[in-house]
N, C-alpha and C. Protein backbone atom coordinates (compact mmCIF):
# COMPACT_ATOMS: atom_id res chain seq x y z
N MET A 1 59.38 97.53 94.99
CA MET A 1 58.36 96.51 94.89
C MET A 1 57.00 97.21 94.83
N ARG A 2 56.31 96.96 93.73
CA ARG A 2 55.01 97.62 93.57
C ARG A 2 53.87 96.63 93.35
N ARG A 3 54.19 95.48 92.73
CA ARG A 3 53.11 94.54 92.39
C ARG A 3 53.40 93.17 92.97
N ILE A 4 52.40 92.63 93.71
CA ILE A 4 52.54 91.35 94.36
C ILE A 4 51.40 90.44 93.91
N VAL A 5 51.73 89.21 93.58
CA VAL A 5 50.72 88.19 93.31
C VAL A 5 50.79 87.15 94.43
N VAL A 6 49.62 86.82 94.98
CA VAL A 6 49.53 85.84 96.06
C VAL A 6 48.74 84.65 95.53
N ALA A 7 49.36 83.48 95.55
CA ALA A 7 48.67 82.27 95.13
C ALA A 7 47.74 81.81 96.24
N VAL A 8 46.47 81.57 95.89
CA VAL A 8 45.48 81.16 96.89
C VAL A 8 44.75 79.89 96.44
N ASP A 9 44.49 79.03 97.43
CA ASP A 9 43.68 77.84 97.16
C ASP A 9 42.65 77.61 98.26
N GLY A 10 42.57 78.53 99.20
CA GLY A 10 41.62 78.41 100.30
C GLY A 10 42.19 77.73 101.52
N SER A 11 43.39 77.19 101.43
CA SER A 11 44.01 76.55 102.59
C SER A 11 44.42 77.61 103.61
N GLU A 12 44.62 77.19 104.85
CA GLU A 12 45.05 78.12 105.89
C GLU A 12 46.37 78.79 105.52
N SER A 13 47.25 78.02 104.93
CA SER A 13 48.55 78.55 104.53
C SER A 13 48.41 79.67 103.49
N SER A 14 47.52 79.48 102.52
CA SER A 14 47.34 80.52 101.50
C SER A 14 46.65 81.75 102.07
N LEU A 15 45.78 81.56 103.05
CA LEU A 15 45.13 82.71 103.69
C LEU A 15 46.14 83.52 104.51
N ARG A 16 47.08 82.81 105.14
CA ARG A 16 48.16 83.52 105.86
C ARG A 16 49.03 84.29 104.86
N ALA A 17 49.21 83.73 103.66
CA ALA A 17 50.00 84.42 102.63
C ALA A 17 49.32 85.72 102.23
N VAL A 18 48.00 85.72 102.13
CA VAL A 18 47.25 86.95 101.80
C VAL A 18 47.44 87.98 102.92
N SER A 19 47.32 87.54 104.16
CA SER A 19 47.51 88.46 105.29
C SER A 19 48.92 89.05 105.30
N TYR A 20 49.89 88.22 104.99
CA TYR A 20 51.28 88.69 104.92
C TYR A 20 51.44 89.74 103.82
N ALA A 21 50.84 89.49 102.67
CA ALA A 21 50.92 90.46 101.57
C ALA A 21 50.32 91.80 101.99
N LEU A 22 49.20 91.74 102.70
CA LEU A 22 48.58 92.98 103.19
C LEU A 22 49.47 93.70 104.19
N SER A 23 50.22 92.95 104.98
CA SER A 23 51.12 93.58 105.96
C SER A 23 52.24 94.34 105.25
N LEU A 24 52.60 93.89 104.05
CA LEU A 24 53.64 94.58 103.29
C LEU A 24 53.16 95.95 102.77
N ARG A 25 51.86 96.11 102.70
CA ARG A 25 51.31 97.38 102.24
C ARG A 25 51.66 98.51 103.21
N LYS A 26 52.03 98.16 104.45
CA LYS A 26 52.45 99.17 105.41
C LYS A 26 53.73 99.86 104.95
N LEU A 27 54.52 99.15 104.11
CA LEU A 27 55.76 99.72 103.59
C LEU A 27 55.47 100.80 102.55
N SER A 28 54.39 100.59 101.79
CA SER A 28 54.03 101.55 100.76
C SER A 28 52.57 101.36 100.38
N SER A 29 51.84 102.44 100.35
CA SER A 29 50.44 102.36 99.96
C SER A 29 50.30 102.14 98.46
N GLN A 30 51.40 102.21 97.72
CA GLN A 30 51.39 102.02 96.28
C GLN A 30 51.42 100.55 95.88
N ILE A 31 51.59 99.65 96.83
CA ILE A 31 51.68 98.22 96.52
C ILE A 31 50.32 97.70 96.07
N GLN A 32 50.32 97.03 94.92
CA GLN A 32 49.11 96.41 94.37
C GLN A 32 49.20 94.91 94.62
N ILE A 33 48.11 94.34 95.13
CA ILE A 33 48.09 92.91 95.46
C ILE A 33 47.02 92.23 94.61
N THR A 34 47.39 91.09 94.03
CA THR A 34 46.44 90.27 93.27
C THR A 34 46.42 88.87 93.86
N ALA A 35 45.23 88.40 94.23
CA ALA A 35 45.06 87.02 94.68
C ALA A 35 44.78 86.18 93.44
N LEU A 36 45.59 85.14 93.24
CA LEU A 36 45.47 84.29 92.05
C LEU A 36 45.06 82.89 92.42
N TYR A 37 43.96 82.43 91.85
CA TYR A 37 43.51 81.05 92.00
C TYR A 37 43.81 80.33 90.69
N VAL A 38 44.41 79.15 90.79
CA VAL A 38 44.74 78.38 89.58
C VAL A 38 43.94 77.09 89.57
N GLY A 39 43.23 76.88 88.48
CA GLY A 39 42.50 75.62 88.28
C GLY A 39 43.10 74.87 87.11
N PRO A 40 42.90 73.58 87.07
CA PRO A 40 43.50 72.78 85.99
C PRO A 40 42.84 73.03 84.65
N SER A 41 43.59 72.85 83.63
CA SER A 41 43.05 72.86 82.27
C SER A 41 42.71 71.42 81.91
N CYS A 42 41.65 71.22 81.18
CA CYS A 42 41.29 69.88 80.74
C CYS A 42 42.46 69.24 79.99
N TYR A 43 43.18 70.07 79.26
CA TYR A 43 44.30 69.58 78.45
C TYR A 43 45.49 69.16 79.33
N ASP A 44 45.60 69.74 80.52
CA ASP A 44 46.63 69.30 81.46
C ASP A 44 46.24 67.97 82.10
N LEU A 45 44.94 67.80 82.34
CA LEU A 45 44.46 66.56 82.94
C LEU A 45 44.49 65.40 81.96
N PHE A 46 44.15 65.69 80.70
CA PHE A 46 44.07 64.66 79.67
C PHE A 46 44.83 65.12 78.43
N PRO A 47 46.15 64.92 78.40
CA PRO A 47 46.95 65.44 77.29
C PRO A 47 46.79 64.70 75.96
N GLU A 48 46.12 63.56 75.98
CA GLU A 48 45.94 62.82 74.74
C GLU A 48 45.09 63.62 73.76
N PRO A 49 45.40 63.55 72.47
CA PRO A 49 44.63 64.31 71.47
C PRO A 49 43.15 63.91 71.48
N ASP A 50 42.31 64.88 71.28
CA ASP A 50 40.86 64.71 71.12
C ASP A 50 40.13 64.21 72.36
N VAL A 51 40.78 64.13 73.51
CA VAL A 51 40.08 63.69 74.73
C VAL A 51 39.23 64.83 75.28
N CYS A 52 39.76 66.04 75.22
CA CYS A 52 39.04 67.19 75.77
C CYS A 52 38.22 67.86 74.68
N ALA A 53 36.96 67.63 74.74
CA ALA A 53 36.05 68.32 73.84
C ALA A 53 35.81 69.72 74.40
N TRP A 54 35.41 70.64 73.56
CA TRP A 54 35.15 72.02 73.97
C TRP A 54 34.13 72.05 75.10
N ILE A 55 33.14 71.19 75.03
CA ILE A 55 32.08 71.19 76.04
C ILE A 55 32.63 70.78 77.42
N GLN A 56 33.58 69.83 77.44
CA GLN A 56 34.16 69.42 78.71
C GLN A 56 34.98 70.56 79.33
N GLN A 57 35.74 71.28 78.50
CA GLN A 57 36.52 72.39 79.01
C GLN A 57 35.59 73.48 79.56
N LYS A 58 34.48 73.69 78.88
CA LYS A 58 33.52 74.70 79.33
C LYS A 58 32.95 74.32 80.70
N GLU A 59 32.63 73.05 80.92
CA GLU A 59 32.13 72.60 82.21
C GLU A 59 33.20 72.72 83.29
N LEU A 60 34.42 72.37 82.93
CA LEU A 60 35.53 72.49 83.87
C LEU A 60 35.76 73.96 84.24
N ASP A 61 35.66 74.86 83.27
CA ASP A 61 35.82 76.29 83.54
C ASP A 61 34.77 76.79 84.54
N LYS A 62 33.52 76.32 84.41
CA LYS A 62 32.47 76.72 85.35
C LYS A 62 32.81 76.25 86.76
N GLU A 63 33.30 75.01 86.87
CA GLU A 63 33.66 74.46 88.18
C GLU A 63 34.83 75.25 88.79
N ILE A 64 35.81 75.58 87.96
CA ILE A 64 36.97 76.35 88.44
C ILE A 64 36.52 77.72 88.94
N GLU A 65 35.66 78.38 88.20
CA GLU A 65 35.17 79.69 88.61
C GLU A 65 34.39 79.61 89.92
N THR A 66 33.59 78.56 90.08
CA THR A 66 32.85 78.37 91.33
C THR A 66 33.81 78.19 92.49
N ARG A 67 34.81 77.34 92.32
CA ARG A 67 35.78 77.11 93.39
C ARG A 67 36.58 78.37 93.70
N ALA A 68 36.99 79.09 92.66
CA ALA A 68 37.74 80.33 92.85
C ALA A 68 36.91 81.35 93.62
N ASN A 69 35.65 81.48 93.25
CA ASN A 69 34.78 82.43 93.94
C ASN A 69 34.58 82.05 95.41
N ASN A 70 34.53 80.74 95.70
CA ASN A 70 34.45 80.29 97.10
C ASN A 70 35.69 80.72 97.87
N VAL A 71 36.86 80.58 97.26
CA VAL A 71 38.11 81.00 97.90
C VAL A 71 38.12 82.51 98.09
N PHE A 72 37.71 83.26 97.07
CA PHE A 72 37.68 84.72 97.16
C PHE A 72 36.70 85.18 98.25
N GLU A 73 35.56 84.48 98.39
CA GLU A 73 34.60 84.81 99.45
C GLU A 73 35.20 84.56 100.83
N LYS A 74 35.97 83.48 100.94
CA LYS A 74 36.66 83.17 102.20
C LYS A 74 37.63 84.30 102.55
N ILE A 75 38.36 84.78 101.56
CA ILE A 75 39.29 85.90 101.76
C ILE A 75 38.52 87.14 102.19
N ASP A 76 37.41 87.42 101.52
CA ASP A 76 36.59 88.59 101.86
C ASP A 76 36.08 88.51 103.30
N LYS A 77 35.64 87.32 103.73
CA LYS A 77 35.13 87.15 105.09
C LYS A 77 36.22 87.41 106.12
N ILE A 78 37.38 86.85 105.89
CA ILE A 78 38.47 86.97 106.85
C ILE A 78 39.01 88.40 106.91
N LEU A 79 39.16 89.02 105.75
CA LEU A 79 39.80 90.33 105.71
C LEU A 79 38.82 91.50 105.79
N GLY A 80 37.55 91.25 105.60
CA GLY A 80 36.58 92.33 105.65
C GLY A 80 36.85 93.38 104.58
N GLN A 81 36.84 94.66 104.97
CA GLN A 81 37.02 95.74 104.01
C GLN A 81 38.40 95.74 103.37
N LYS A 82 39.39 95.21 104.05
CA LYS A 82 40.73 95.18 103.49
C LYS A 82 40.78 94.40 102.18
N SER A 83 39.89 93.41 102.02
CA SER A 83 39.92 92.58 100.81
C SER A 83 39.52 93.35 99.56
N SER A 84 38.85 94.50 99.74
CA SER A 84 38.47 95.29 98.57
C SER A 84 39.69 95.90 97.89
N ASN A 85 40.80 95.93 98.60
CA ASN A 85 42.03 96.45 98.03
C ASN A 85 42.84 95.38 97.30
N ILE A 86 42.28 94.18 97.19
CA ILE A 86 42.97 93.08 96.53
C ILE A 86 42.27 92.75 95.23
N GLN A 87 43.02 92.73 94.15
CA GLN A 87 42.47 92.29 92.88
C GLN A 87 42.41 90.78 92.89
N LYS A 88 41.49 90.21 92.13
CA LYS A 88 41.35 88.77 92.08
C LYS A 88 41.46 88.29 90.64
N ALA A 89 42.15 87.15 90.46
CA ALA A 89 42.35 86.62 89.11
C ALA A 89 42.30 85.10 89.15
N ILE A 90 41.95 84.52 88.01
CA ILE A 90 41.91 83.07 87.86
C ILE A 90 42.79 82.70 86.67
N ALA A 91 43.61 81.67 86.86
CA ALA A 91 44.44 81.15 85.78
C ALA A 91 44.17 79.65 85.65
N ARG A 92 44.56 79.09 84.52
CA ARG A 92 44.36 77.67 84.27
C ARG A 92 45.69 77.02 83.95
N GLY A 93 45.81 75.76 84.34
CA GLY A 93 47.00 75.00 84.01
C GLY A 93 47.62 74.37 85.23
N SER A 94 48.82 73.87 85.07
CA SER A 94 49.58 73.33 86.19
C SER A 94 49.85 74.48 87.16
N ALA A 95 49.56 74.29 88.44
CA ALA A 95 49.59 75.39 89.40
C ALA A 95 50.89 76.17 89.40
N ALA A 96 52.02 75.50 89.57
CA ALA A 96 53.31 76.21 89.66
C ALA A 96 53.62 76.96 88.37
N SER A 97 53.44 76.30 87.25
CA SER A 97 53.73 76.95 85.96
C SER A 97 52.81 78.13 85.71
N ALA A 98 51.52 77.96 86.05
CA ALA A 98 50.55 79.03 85.83
C ALA A 98 50.85 80.24 86.72
N ILE A 99 51.25 80.00 87.96
CA ILE A 99 51.58 81.10 88.87
C ILE A 99 52.77 81.88 88.32
N CYS A 100 53.81 81.18 87.92
CA CYS A 100 55.02 81.84 87.41
C CYS A 100 54.76 82.57 86.10
N LYS A 101 53.98 81.95 85.23
CA LYS A 101 53.63 82.60 83.95
C LYS A 101 52.82 83.87 84.20
N PHE A 102 51.84 83.79 85.10
CA PHE A 102 51.02 84.95 85.44
C PHE A 102 51.88 86.08 85.99
N ALA A 103 52.81 85.73 86.88
CA ALA A 103 53.69 86.74 87.49
C ALA A 103 54.58 87.39 86.44
N GLN A 104 55.14 86.58 85.57
CA GLN A 104 56.05 87.13 84.55
C GLN A 104 55.30 87.98 83.53
N GLU A 105 54.20 87.46 83.01
CA GLU A 105 53.44 88.21 82.00
C GLU A 105 52.81 89.47 82.56
N GLY A 106 52.48 89.45 83.85
CA GLY A 106 51.86 90.62 84.48
C GLY A 106 52.85 91.62 85.04
N GLY A 107 54.14 91.31 84.94
CA GLY A 107 55.16 92.23 85.45
C GLY A 107 55.16 92.35 86.96
N TYR A 108 54.85 91.26 87.65
CA TYR A 108 54.82 91.30 89.12
C TYR A 108 56.24 91.28 89.67
N ASP A 109 56.42 91.94 90.80
CA ASP A 109 57.73 92.04 91.44
C ASP A 109 57.98 90.94 92.47
N LEU A 110 56.89 90.32 92.96
CA LEU A 110 57.02 89.33 94.03
C LEU A 110 55.86 88.36 93.96
N VAL A 111 56.17 87.08 94.20
CA VAL A 111 55.14 86.05 94.35
C VAL A 111 55.16 85.62 95.81
N ILE A 112 53.98 85.57 96.42
CA ILE A 112 53.85 85.07 97.78
C ILE A 112 52.97 83.83 97.72
N ILE A 113 53.43 82.77 98.37
CA ILE A 113 52.70 81.51 98.34
C ILE A 113 52.79 80.86 99.71
N GLY A 114 51.76 80.15 100.09
CA GLY A 114 51.78 79.41 101.35
C GLY A 114 52.68 78.19 101.24
N SER A 115 53.22 77.77 102.37
CA SER A 115 54.14 76.64 102.35
C SER A 115 53.44 75.31 102.10
N ARG A 116 52.20 75.21 102.48
CA ARG A 116 51.43 73.98 102.26
C ARG A 116 50.03 74.35 101.83
N GLY A 117 49.57 73.76 100.75
CA GLY A 117 48.21 74.02 100.30
C GLY A 117 47.40 72.75 100.34
N TYR A 118 46.44 72.66 99.45
CA TYR A 118 45.61 71.47 99.36
C TYR A 118 46.18 70.45 98.39
N GLY A 119 47.40 70.69 97.92
CA GLY A 119 48.00 69.81 96.92
C GLY A 119 48.58 68.55 97.51
N ASP A 120 49.51 67.99 96.80
CA ASP A 120 50.17 66.72 97.13
C ASP A 120 50.85 66.78 98.49
N GLU A 121 50.69 65.76 99.28
CA GLU A 121 51.30 65.70 100.62
C GLU A 121 52.68 65.02 100.60
N SER A 122 53.25 64.78 99.42
CA SER A 122 54.47 63.99 99.33
C SER A 122 55.71 64.73 99.82
N SER A 123 55.71 66.03 99.81
CA SER A 123 56.87 66.78 100.26
C SER A 123 56.75 67.10 101.74
N SER A 124 57.77 66.76 102.52
CA SER A 124 57.64 66.89 103.97
C SER A 124 57.88 68.31 104.49
N LEU A 125 58.69 69.12 103.80
CA LEU A 125 58.99 70.46 104.30
C LEU A 125 58.19 71.53 103.58
N LEU A 126 58.13 71.45 102.29
CA LEU A 126 57.38 72.41 101.50
C LEU A 126 56.37 71.66 100.66
N GLY A 127 55.26 72.30 100.36
CA GLY A 127 54.33 71.70 99.42
C GLY A 127 54.97 71.62 98.05
N SER A 128 54.49 70.70 97.24
CA SER A 128 55.10 70.52 95.92
C SER A 128 54.94 71.76 95.05
N VAL A 129 53.81 72.46 95.15
CA VAL A 129 53.61 73.65 94.34
C VAL A 129 54.55 74.77 94.78
N SER A 130 54.64 75.02 96.08
CA SER A 130 55.54 76.09 96.54
C SER A 130 56.98 75.76 96.20
N HIS A 131 57.36 74.51 96.28
CA HIS A 131 58.72 74.10 95.92
C HIS A 131 59.00 74.37 94.45
N LYS A 132 58.05 74.03 93.58
CA LYS A 132 58.23 74.27 92.14
C LYS A 132 58.26 75.77 91.83
N VAL A 133 57.41 76.53 92.49
CA VAL A 133 57.37 77.98 92.26
C VAL A 133 58.72 78.60 92.61
N LEU A 134 59.31 78.15 93.71
CA LEU A 134 60.64 78.66 94.11
C LEU A 134 61.67 78.47 92.99
N HIS A 135 61.56 77.36 92.28
CA HIS A 135 62.54 77.05 91.24
C HIS A 135 62.19 77.60 89.87
N LEU A 136 60.90 77.79 89.59
CA LEU A 136 60.48 78.22 88.26
C LEU A 136 60.37 79.74 88.08
N CYS A 137 59.97 80.44 89.12
CA CYS A 137 59.72 81.89 88.98
C CYS A 137 60.99 82.67 88.73
N GLN A 138 60.86 83.68 87.90
CA GLN A 138 61.99 84.55 87.59
C GLN A 138 62.06 85.75 88.52
N CYS A 139 60.98 85.98 89.27
CA CYS A 139 60.99 87.08 90.24
C CYS A 139 61.14 86.48 91.64
N PRO A 140 61.39 87.30 92.64
CA PRO A 140 61.51 86.79 94.01
C PRO A 140 60.22 86.11 94.48
N VAL A 141 60.40 85.11 95.34
CA VAL A 141 59.28 84.34 95.88
C VAL A 141 59.41 84.33 97.40
N THR A 142 58.30 84.59 98.09
CA THR A 142 58.26 84.48 99.54
C THR A 142 57.30 83.34 99.87
N VAL A 143 57.77 82.40 100.69
CA VAL A 143 56.94 81.28 101.14
C VAL A 143 56.54 81.57 102.58
N VAL A 144 55.23 81.55 102.84
CA VAL A 144 54.69 81.86 104.16
C VAL A 144 54.27 80.57 104.84
N LYS A 145 54.73 80.40 106.08
CA LYS A 145 54.33 79.20 106.86
C LYS A 145 53.01 79.43 107.54
């Protein structure tokens, strides 16, 4: 295991997932960790043709980057200097699909995700995103409580 992607949304569960990923670095200093924030695509929100103008997507992208940077700053505050060893990335789309696509295209060996994020509260044991990631990802997935 050399490359780990950790899905983050700023929730306590996702921050624990980042801490867990860092604890795995004790196994090998060669482990690379990437914190991934996923924001929606305008086209995912409004799939009807011609609803998403380029300008709307551009505004949505600015908002996503602002939110992602807030989450990354939260990680930096909590982890201090340790956070400099974590790469940061932003993806767009449906959260579970985007996480799995990012992991597969990036050649990641492991996905780590919190058990509950800021998403849908309909699932009583696992969050809906973590549940979908477990079923969609082609690489191993660790869910952190």
